[in-house]
């Protein structure tokens, strides 16, 4: 099921793009640090988690899903108390 709310608000798109770029830069820097310090298991765990972002052939194709914390809280608070048998 995919009912994503897509935004074309340029400020939001730019902010999310910058956040993703920052995460990518951190990830690559950390991966290189682990490799340089012979922490291969840590490097592989990081690469496993961020493979799609670290792969130059797929980096720009990988979708970024995000949520607005306030919207999520409002949705949660709007659900009936026994929603889904919880």
PDB file of N, CA and C in Angstrom:
ATOM      1  N   UNK A   1       0.850  -1.170   0.000  1.00  0.00           N
ATOM      2  CA  UNK A   1       0.000   0.000   0.000  1.00  0.00           C
ATOM      3  C   UNK A   1       0.893   1.229   0.000  1.00  0.00           C
ATOM      4  N   UNK A   2       0.607   2.130  -0.890  1.00  0.00           N
ATOM      5  CA  UNK A   2       1.431   3.321  -1.016  1.00  0.00           C
ATOM      6  C   UNK A   2       0.535   4.541  -1.151  1.00  0.00           C
ATOM      7  N   UNK A   3       0.244   5.192  -0.057  1.00  0.00           N
ATOM      8  CA  UNK A   3      -0.507   6.438  -0.161  1.00  0.00           C
ATOM      9  C   UNK A   3       0.346   7.560   0.440  1.00  0.00           C
ATOM     10  N   UNK A   4       1.464   7.782  -0.220  1.00  0.00           N
ATOM     11  CA  UNK A   4       2.365   8.850   0.173  1.00  0.00           C
ATOM     12  C   UNK A   4       1.758  10.193  -0.203  1.00  0.00           C
ATOM     13  N   UNK A   5       2.001  11.165   0.616  1.00  0.00           N
ATOM     14  CA  UNK A   5       1.596  12.529   0.301  1.00  0.00           C
ATOM     15  C   UNK A   5       2.827  13.207  -0.297  1.00  0.00           C
ATOM     16  N   UNK A   6       2.789  13.429  -1.599  1.00  0.00           N
ATOM     17  CA  UNK A   6       3.924  14.015  -2.306  1.00  0.00           C
ATOM     18  C   UNK A   6       3.833  15.528  -2.219  1.00  0.00           C
ATOM     19  N   UNK A   7       4.972  16.161  -1.967  1.00  0.00           N
ATOM     20  CA  UNK A   7       4.991  17.622  -1.901  1.00  0.00           C
ATOM     21  C   UNK A   7       5.887  18.172  -3.000  1.00  0.00           C
ATOM     22  N   UNK A   8       5.485  19.301  -3.513  1.00  0.00           N
ATOM     23  CA  UNK A   8       6.344  19.997  -4.459  1.00  0.00           C
ATOM     24  C   UNK A   8       6.751  21.360  -3.900  1.00  0.00           C
ATOM     25  N   UNK A   9       6.530  21.526  -2.594  1.00  0.00           N
ATOM     26  CA  UNK A   9       6.956  22.743  -1.909  1.00  0.00           C
ATOM     27  C   UNK A   9       8.477  22.819  -1.969  1.00  0.00           C
ATOM     28  N   UNK A  10       9.003  23.814  -2.664  1.00  0.00           N
ATOM     29  CA  UNK A  10      10.449  23.864  -2.915  1.00  0.00           C
ATOM     30  C   UNK A  10      11.263  23.977  -1.631  1.00  0.00           C
ATOM     31  N   UNK A  11      10.761  24.683  -0.628  1.00  0.00           N
ATOM     32  CA  UNK A  11      11.510  24.800   0.630  1.00  0.00           C
ATOM     33  C   UNK A  11      11.635  23.436   1.311  1.00  0.00           C
ATOM     34  N   UNK A  12      10.551  22.662   1.314  1.00  0.00           N
ATOM     35  CA  UNK A  12      10.578  21.324   1.917  1.00  0.00           C
ATOM     36  C   UNK A  12      11.483  20.401   1.119  1.00  0.00           C
ATOM     37  N   UNK A  13      11.361  20.436  -0.188  1.00  0.00           N
ATOM     38  CA  UNK A  13      12.186  19.589  -1.046  1.00  0.00           C
ATOM     39  C   UNK A  13      13.666  19.927  -0.856  1.00  0.00           C
ATOM     40  N   UNK A  14      14.003  21.204  -0.810  1.00  0.00           N
ATOM     41  CA  UNK A  14      15.402  21.616  -0.624  1.00  0.00           C
ATOM     42  C   UNK A  14      15.928  21.186   0.741  1.00  0.00           C
ATOM     43  N   UNK A  15      15.087  21.338   1.777  1.00  0.00           N
ATOM     44  CA  UNK A  15      15.500  20.948   3.129  1.00  0.00           C
ATOM     45  C   UNK A  15      15.762  19.450   3.212  1.00  0.00           C
ATOM     46  N   UNK A  16      14.843  18.663   2.647  1.00  0.00           N
ATOM     47  CA  UNK A  16      15.017  17.210   2.681  1.00  0.00           C
ATOM     48  C   UNK A  16      16.212  16.775   1.840  1.00  0.00           C
ATOM     49  N   UNK A  17      16.419  17.423   0.725  1.00  0.00           N
ATOM     50  CA  UNK A  17      17.567  17.111  -0.121  1.00  0.00           C
ATOM     51  C   UNK A  17      18.872  17.382   0.631  1.00  0.00           C
ATOM     52  N   UNK A  18      18.923  18.499   1.342  1.00  0.00           N
ATOM     53  CA  UNK A  18      20.119  18.826   2.113  1.00  0.00           C
ATOM     54  C   UNK A  18      20.326  17.828   3.247  1.00  0.00           C
ATOM     55  N   UNK A  19      19.248  17.424   3.916  1.00  0.00           N
ATOM     56  CA  UNK A  19      19.370  16.435   4.984  1.00  0.00           C
ATOM     57  C   UNK A  19      19.899  15.117   4.433  1.00  0.00           C
ATOM     58  N   UNK A  20      19.386  14.716   3.294  1.00  0.00           N
ATOM     59  CA  UNK A  20      19.851  13.470   2.685  1.00  0.00           C
ATOM     60  C   UNK A  20      21.322  13.584   2.286  1.00  0.00           C
ATOM     61  N   UNK A  21      21.705  14.708   1.721  1.00  0.00           N
ATOM     62  CA  UNK A  21      23.115  14.922   1.369  1.00  0.00           C
ATOM     63  C   UNK A  21      24.008  14.860   2.601  1.00  0.00           C
ATOM     64  N   UNK A  22      23.550  15.456   3.700  1.00  0.00           N
ATOM     65  CA  UNK A  22      24.328  15.429   4.944  1.00  0.00           C
ATOM     66  C   UNK A  22      24.476  14.002   5.469  1.00  0.00           C
ATOM     67  N   UNK A  23      23.405  13.226   5.412  1.00  0.00           N
ATOM     68  CA  UNK A  23      23.464  11.827   5.859  1.00  0.00           C
ATOM     69  C   UNK A  23      24.422  11.045   4.974  1.00  0.00           C
ATOM     70  N   UNK A  24      24.337  11.263   3.673  1.00  0.00           N
ATOM     71  CA  UNK A  24      25.238  10.575   2.738  1.00  0.00           C
ATOM     72  C   UNK A  24      26.700  10.916   3.047  1.00  0.00           C
ATOM     73  N   UNK A  25      26.995  12.196   3.221  1.00  0.00           N
ATOM     74  CA  UNK A  25      28.372  12.612   3.522  1.00  0.00           C
ATOM     75  C   UNK A  25      28.871  11.981   4.812  1.00  0.00           C
ATOM     76  N   UNK A  26      28.016  11.978   5.850  1.00  0.00           N
ATOM     77  CA  UNK A  26      28.400  11.362   7.119  1.00  0.00           C
ATOM     78  C   UNK A  26      28.663   9.874   6.930  1.00  0.00           C
ATOM     79  N   UNK A  27      27.782   9.219   6.204  1.00  0.00           N
ATOM     80  CA  UNK A  27      27.878   7.781   6.003  1.00  0.00           C
ATOM     81  C   UNK A  27      29.180   7.406   5.286  1.00  0.00           C
ATOM     82  N   UNK A  28      29.483   8.099   4.223  1.00  0.00           N
ATOM     83  CA  UNK A  28      30.701   7.814   3.464  1.00  0.00           C
ATOM     84  C   UNK A  28      31.941   8.108   4.314  1.00  0.00           C
ATOM     85  N   UNK A  29      31.906   9.217   5.039  1.00  0.00           N
ATOM     86  CA  UNK A  29      33.032   9.564   5.914  1.00  0.00           C
ATOM     87  C   UNK A  29      33.240   8.493   6.988  1.00  0.00           C
ATOM     88  N   UNK A  30      32.152   8.045   7.581  1.00  0.00           N
ATOM     89  CA  UNK A  30      32.234   7.026   8.636  1.00  0.00           C
ATOM     90  C   UNK A  30      32.705   5.686   8.074  1.00  0.00           C
ATOM     91  N   UNK A  31      32.213   5.331   6.883  1.00  0.00           N
ATOM     92  CA  UNK A  31      32.651   4.102   6.232  1.00  0.00           C
ATOM     93  C   UNK A  31      34.155   4.137   5.996  1.00  0.00           C
ATOM     94  N   UNK A  32      34.656   5.232   5.488  1.00  0.00           N
ATOM     95  CA  UNK A  32      36.103   5.370   5.240  1.00  0.00           C
ATOM     96  C   UNK A  32      36.902   5.309   6.535  1.00  0.00           C
ATOM     97  N   UNK A  33      36.358   5.908   7.602  1.00  0.00           N
ATOM     98  CA  UNK A  33      37.012   5.850   8.907  1.00  0.00           C
ATOM     99  C   UNK A  33      37.126   4.405   9.379  1.00  0.00           C
ATOM    100  N   UNK A  34      36.027   3.669   9.303  1.00  0.00           N
ATOM    101  CA  UNK A  34      36.047   2.272   9.732  1.00  0.00           C
ATOM    102  C   UNK A  34      37.057   1.460   8.925  1.00  0.00           C
ATOM    103  N   UNK A  35      37.066   1.659   7.626  1.00  0.00           N
ATOM    104  CA  UNK A  35      38.005   0.913   6.778  1.00  0.00           C
ATOM    105  C   UNK A  35      39.452   1.263   7.104  1.00  0.00           C
ATOM    106  N   UNK A  36      39.732   2.545   7.304  1.00  0.00           N
ATOM    107  CA  UNK A  36      41.089   2.989   7.608  1.00  0.00           C
ATOM    108  C   UNK A  36      41.571   2.467   8.953  1.00  0.00           C
ATOM    109  N   UNK A  37      40.633   2.216   9.862  1.00  0.00           N
ATOM    110  CA  UNK A  37      40.978   1.729  11.196  1.00  0.00           C
ATOM    111  C   UNK A  37      40.747   0.228  11.346  1.00  0.00           C
ATOM    112  N   UNK A  38      40.653  -0.448  10.226  1.00  0.00           N
ATOM    113  CA  UNK A  38      40.502  -1.905  10.177  1.00  0.00           C
ATOM    114  C   UNK A  38      39.294  -2.396  10.982  1.00  0.00           C
ATOM    115  N   UNK A  39      38.232  -1.588  10.993  1.00  0.00           N
ATOM    116  CA  UNK A  39      36.974  -1.983  11.642  1.00  0.00           C
ATOM    117  C   UNK A  39      36.013  -2.453  10.541  1.00  0.00           C
ATOM    118  N   UNK A  40      36.385  -3.580   9.947  1.00  0.00           N
ATOM    119  CA  UNK A  40      35.686  -4.084   8.776  1.00  0.00           C
ATOM    120  C   UNK A  40      34.234  -4.440   9.085  1.00  0.00           C
ATOM    121  N   UNK A  41      33.987  -5.067  10.226  1.00  0.00           N
ATOM    122  CA  UNK A  41      32.602  -5.433  10.574  1.00  0.00           C
ATOM    123  C   UNK A  41      31.710  -4.195  10.676  1.00  0.00           C
ATOM    124  N   UNK A  42      32.232  -3.138  11.288  1.00  0.00           N
ATOM    125  CA  UNK A  42      31.454  -1.898  11.399  1.00  0.00           C
ATOM    126  C   UNK A  42      31.219  -1.283  10.020  1.00  0.00           C
ATOM    127  N   UNK A  43      32.241  -1.290   9.181  1.00  0.00           N
ATOM    128  CA  UNK A  43      32.109  -0.746   7.827  1.00  0.00           C
ATOM    129  C   UNK A  43      31.064  -1.521   7.036  1.00  0.00           C
ATOM    130  N   UNK A  44      31.087  -2.840   7.141  1.00  0.00           N
ATOM    131  CA  UNK A  44      30.123  -3.653   6.404  1.00  0.00           C
ATOM    132  C   UNK A  44      28.701  -3.475   6.934  1.00  0.00           C
ATOM    133  N   UNK A  45      28.558  -3.326   8.235  1.00  0.00           N
ATOM    134  CA  UNK A  45      27.225  -3.092   8.818  1.00  0.00           C
ATOM    135  C   UNK A  45      26.664  -1.761   8.324  1.00  0.00           C
ATOM    136  N   UNK A  46      27.508  -0.752   8.274  1.00  0.00           N
ATOM    137  CA  UNK A  46      27.072   0.545   7.769  1.00  0.00           C
ATOM    138  C   UNK A  46      26.720   0.464   6.290  1.00  0.00           C
ATOM    139  N   UNK A  47      27.563  -0.193   5.525  1.00  0.00           N
ATOM    140  CA  UNK A  47      27.316  -0.339   4.090  1.00  0.00           C
ATOM    141  C   UNK A  47      26.048  -1.149   3.832  1.00  0.00           C
ATOM    142  N   UNK A  48      25.788  -2.134   4.669  1.00  0.00           N
ATOM    143  CA  UNK A  48      24.577  -2.933   4.507  1.00  0.00           C
ATOM    144  C   UNK A  48      23.327  -2.071   4.729  1.00  0.00           C
ATOM    145  N   UNK A  49      23.383  -1.210   5.722  1.00  0.00           N
ATOM    146  CA  UNK A  49      22.238  -0.362   6.046  1.00  0.00           C
ATOM    147  C   UNK A  49      22.014   0.726   4.997  1.00  0.00           C
ATOM    148  N   UNK A  50      23.086   1.279   4.462  1.00  0.00           N
ATOM    149  CA  UNK A  50      22.985   2.415   3.541  1.00  0.00           C
ATOM    150  C   UNK A  50      23.420   2.067   2.126  1.00  0.00           C
ATOM    151  N   UNK A  51      23.326   0.804   1.746  1.00  0.00           N
ATOM    152  CA  UNK A  51      23.819   0.358   0.445  1.00  0.00           C
ATOM    153  C   UNK A  51      23.259   1.184  -0.710  1.00  0.00           C
ATOM    154  N   UNK A  52      21.943   1.377  -0.716  1.00  0.00           N
ATOM    155  CA  UNK A  52      21.310   2.088  -1.822  1.00  0.00           C
ATOM    156  C   UNK A  52      21.818   3.514  -1.934  1.00  0.00           C
ATOM    157  N   UNK A  53      22.105   4.144  -0.810  1.00  0.00           N
ATOM    158  CA  UNK A  53      22.589   5.522  -0.842  1.00  0.00           C
ATOM    159  C   UNK A  53      24.062   5.596  -1.212  1.00  0.00           C
ATOM    160  N   UNK A  54      24.821   4.578  -0.864  1.00  0.00           N
ATOM    161  CA  UNK A  54      26.266   4.602  -1.116  1.00  0.00           C
ATOM    162  C   UNK A  54      26.622   4.141  -2.531  1.00  0.00           C
ATOM    163  N   UNK A  55      25.712   3.458  -3.184  1.00  0.00           N
ATOM    164  CA  UNK A  55      25.947   2.960  -4.532  1.00  0.00           C
ATOM    165  C   UNK A  55      25.765   4.109  -5.529  1.00  0.00           C
ATOM    166  N   UNK A  56      26.842   4.529  -6.204  1.00  0.00           N
ATOM    167  CA  UNK A  56      26.729   5.682  -7.103  1.00  0.00           C
ATOM    168  C   UNK A  56      25.728   5.472  -8.241  1.00  0.00           C
ATOM    169  N   UNK A  57      25.496   4.231  -8.644  1.00  0.00           N
ATOM    170  CA  UNK A  57      24.549   3.970  -9.727  1.00  0.00           C
ATOM    171  C   UNK A  57      23.093   4.100  -9.281  1.00  0.00           C
ATOM    172  N   UNK A  58      22.841   3.955  -7.993  1.00  0.00           N
ATOM    173  CA  UNK A  58      21.468   4.009  -7.483  1.00  0.00           C
ATOM    174  C   UNK A  58      21.192   5.193  -6.562  1.00  0.00           C
ATOM    175  N   UNK A  59      22.217   5.914  -6.210  1.00  0.00           N
ATOM    176  CA  UNK A  59      22.096   6.975  -5.208  1.00  0.00           C
ATOM    177  C   UNK A  59      20.982   7.970  -5.539  1.00  0.00           C
ATOM    178  N   UNK A  60      20.897   8.403  -6.762  1.00  0.00           N
ATOM    179  CA  UNK A  60      19.903   9.402  -7.138  1.00  0.00           C
ATOM    180  C   UNK A  60      18.540   8.782  -7.456  1.00  0.00           C
ATOM    181  N   UNK A  61      18.487   7.463  -7.579  1.00  0.00           N
ATOM    182  CA  UNK A  61      17.230   6.785  -7.903  1.00  0.00           C
ATOM    183  C   UNK A  61      16.465   6.358  -6.653  1.00  0.00           C
ATOM    184  N   UNK A  62      17.159   6.219  -5.544  1.00  0.00           N
ATOM    185  CA  UNK A  62      16.548   5.750  -4.306  1.00  0.00           C
ATOM    186  C   UNK A  62      15.593   6.817  -3.767  1.00  0.00           C
ATOM    187  N   UNK A  63      14.340   6.429  -3.542  1.00  0.00           N
ATOM    188  CA  UNK A  63      13.362   7.364  -3.006  1.00  0.00           C
ATOM    189  C   UNK A  63      13.602   7.602  -1.528  1.00  0.00           C
ATOM    190  N   UNK A  64      13.284   8.786  -1.098  1.00  0.00           N
ATOM    191  CA  UNK A  64      13.388   9.134   0.309  1.00  0.00           C
ATOM    192  C   UNK A  64      11.981   9.348   0.850  1.00  0.00           C
ATOM    193  N   UNK A  65      11.565   8.467   1.736  1.00  0.00           N
ATOM    194  CA  UNK A  65      10.267   8.611   2.384  1.00  0.00           C
ATOM    195  C   UNK A  65      10.491   9.309   3.727  1.00  0.00           C
ATOM    196  N   UNK A  66       9.640  10.248   4.029  1.00  0.00           N
ATOM    197  CA  UNK A  66       9.761  10.958   5.292  1.00  0.00           C
ATOM    198  C   UNK A  66       8.372  11.231   5.826  1.00  0.00           C
ATOM    199  N   UNK A  67       8.307  11.641   7.061  1.00  0.00           N
ATOM    200  CA  UNK A  67       7.023  12.007   7.644  1.00  0.00           C
ATOM    201  C   UNK A  67       7.210  13.253   8.477  1.00  0.00           C
ATOM    202  N   UNK A  68       6.141  13.987   8.582  1.00  0.00           N
ATOM    203  CA  UNK A  68       6.112  15.154   9.442  1.00  0.00           C
ATOM    204  C   UNK A  68       5.663  14.678  10.815  1.00  0.00           C
ATOM    205  N   UNK A  69       6.469  14.899  11.818  1.00  0.00           N
ATOM    206  CA  UNK A  69       6.183  14.386  13.159  1.00  0.00           C
ATOM    207  C   UNK A  69       4.838  14.887  13.690  1.00  0.00           C
ATOM    208  N   UNK A  70       4.512  16.134  13.429  1.00  0.00           N
ATOM    209  CA  UNK A  70       3.229  16.673  13.899  1.00  0.00           C
ATOM    210  C   UNK A  70       2.058  15.995  13.195  1.00  0.00           C
ATOM    211  N   UNK A  71       2.189  15.783  11.875  1.00  0.00           N
ATOM    212  CA  UNK A  71       1.129  15.096  11.138  1.00  0.00           C
ATOM    213  C   UNK A  71       0.933  13.673  11.656  1.00  0.00           C
ATOM    214  N   UNK A  72       2.043  12.990  11.940  1.00  0.00           N
ATOM    215  CA  UNK A  72       1.959  11.623  12.440  1.00  0.00           C
ATOM    216  C   UNK A  72       1.286  11.582  13.816  1.00  0.00           C
ATOM    217  N   UNK A  73       1.644  12.513  14.679  1.00  0.00           N
ATOM    218  CA  UNK A  73       1.026  12.571  16.009  1.00  0.00           C
ATOM    219  C   UNK A  73      -0.470  12.859  15.886  1.00  0.00           C
ATOM    220  N   UNK A  74      -0.845  13.792  15.035  1.00  0.00           N
ATOM    221  CA  UNK A  74      -2.264  14.105  14.848  1.00  0.00           C
ATOM    222  C   UNK A  74      -3.030  12.898  14.318  1.00  0.00           C
ATOM    223  N   UNK A  75      -2.433  12.166  13.388  1.00  0.00           N
ATOM    224  CA  UNK A  75      -3.074  10.957  12.872  1.00  0.00           C
ATOM    225  C   UNK A  75      -3.255   9.939  13.994  1.00  0.00           C
ATOM    226  N   UNK A  76      -2.210   9.726  14.784  1.00  0.00           N
ATOM    227  CA  UNK A  76      -2.273   8.784  15.900  1.00  0.00           C
ATOM    228  C   UNK A  76      -3.380   9.173  16.886  1.00  0.00           C
ATOM    229  N   UNK A  77      -3.439  10.448  17.223  1.00  0.00           N
ATOM    230  CA  UNK A  77      -4.429  10.908  18.192  1.00  0.00           C
ATOM    231  C   UNK A  77      -5.850  10.833  17.634  1.00  0.00           C
ATOM    232  N   UNK A  78      -5.995  10.830  16.322  1.00  0.00           N
ATOM    233  CA  UNK A  78      -7.327  10.770  15.718  1.00  0.00           C
ATOM    234  C   UNK A  78      -7.873   9.340  15.625  1.00  0.00           C
ATOM    235  N   UNK A  79      -7.026   8.335  15.838  1.00  0.00           N
ATOM    236  CA  UNK A  79      -7.463   6.946  15.720  1.00  0.00           C
ATOM    237  C   UNK A  79      -8.305   6.549  16.924  1.00  0.00           C
ATOM    238  N   UNK A  80      -9.306   5.701  16.691  1.00  0.00           N
ATOM    239  CA  UNK A  80     -10.101   5.198  17.827  1.00  0.00           C
ATOM    240  C   UNK A  80      -9.196   4.446  18.812  1.00  0.00           C
ATOM    241  N   UNK A  81      -9.586   4.415  20.048  1.00  0.00           N
ATOM    242  CA  UNK A  81      -8.758   3.805  21.099  1.00  0.00           C
ATOM    243  C   UNK A  81      -8.449   2.344  20.823  1.00  0.00           C
ATOM    244  N   UNK A  82      -9.401   1.598  20.275  1.00  0.00           N
ATOM    245  CA  UNK A  82      -9.205   0.173  20.042  1.00  0.00           C
ATOM    246  C   UNK A  82      -8.894  -0.129  18.580  1.00  0.00           C
ATOM    247  N   UNK A  83      -8.327   0.812  17.885  1.00  0.00           N
ATOM    248  CA  UNK A  83      -8.017   0.641  16.462  1.00  0.00           C
ATOM    249  C   UNK A  83      -7.077  -0.543  16.259  1.00  0.00           C
ATOM    250  N   UNK A  84      -7.448  -1.418  15.381  1.00  0.00           N
ATOM    251  CA  UNK A  84      -6.579  -2.534  15.030  1.00  0.00           C
ATOM    252  C   UNK A  84      -6.419  -3.564  16.128  1.00  0.00           C
ATOM    253  N   UNK A  85      -7.272  -3.549  17.114  1.00  0.00           N
ATOM    254  CA  UNK A  85      -7.196  -4.546  18.173  1.00  0.00           C
ATOM    255  C   UNK A  85      -6.072  -4.311  19.159  1.00  0.00           C
ATOM    256  N   UNK A  86      -5.516  -3.121  19.155  1.00  0.00           N
ATOM    257  CA  UNK A  86      -4.411  -2.840  20.097  1.00  0.00           C
ATOM    258  C   UNK A  86      -4.906  -2.611  21.500  1.00  0.00           C
TER     259      UNK A  86
END
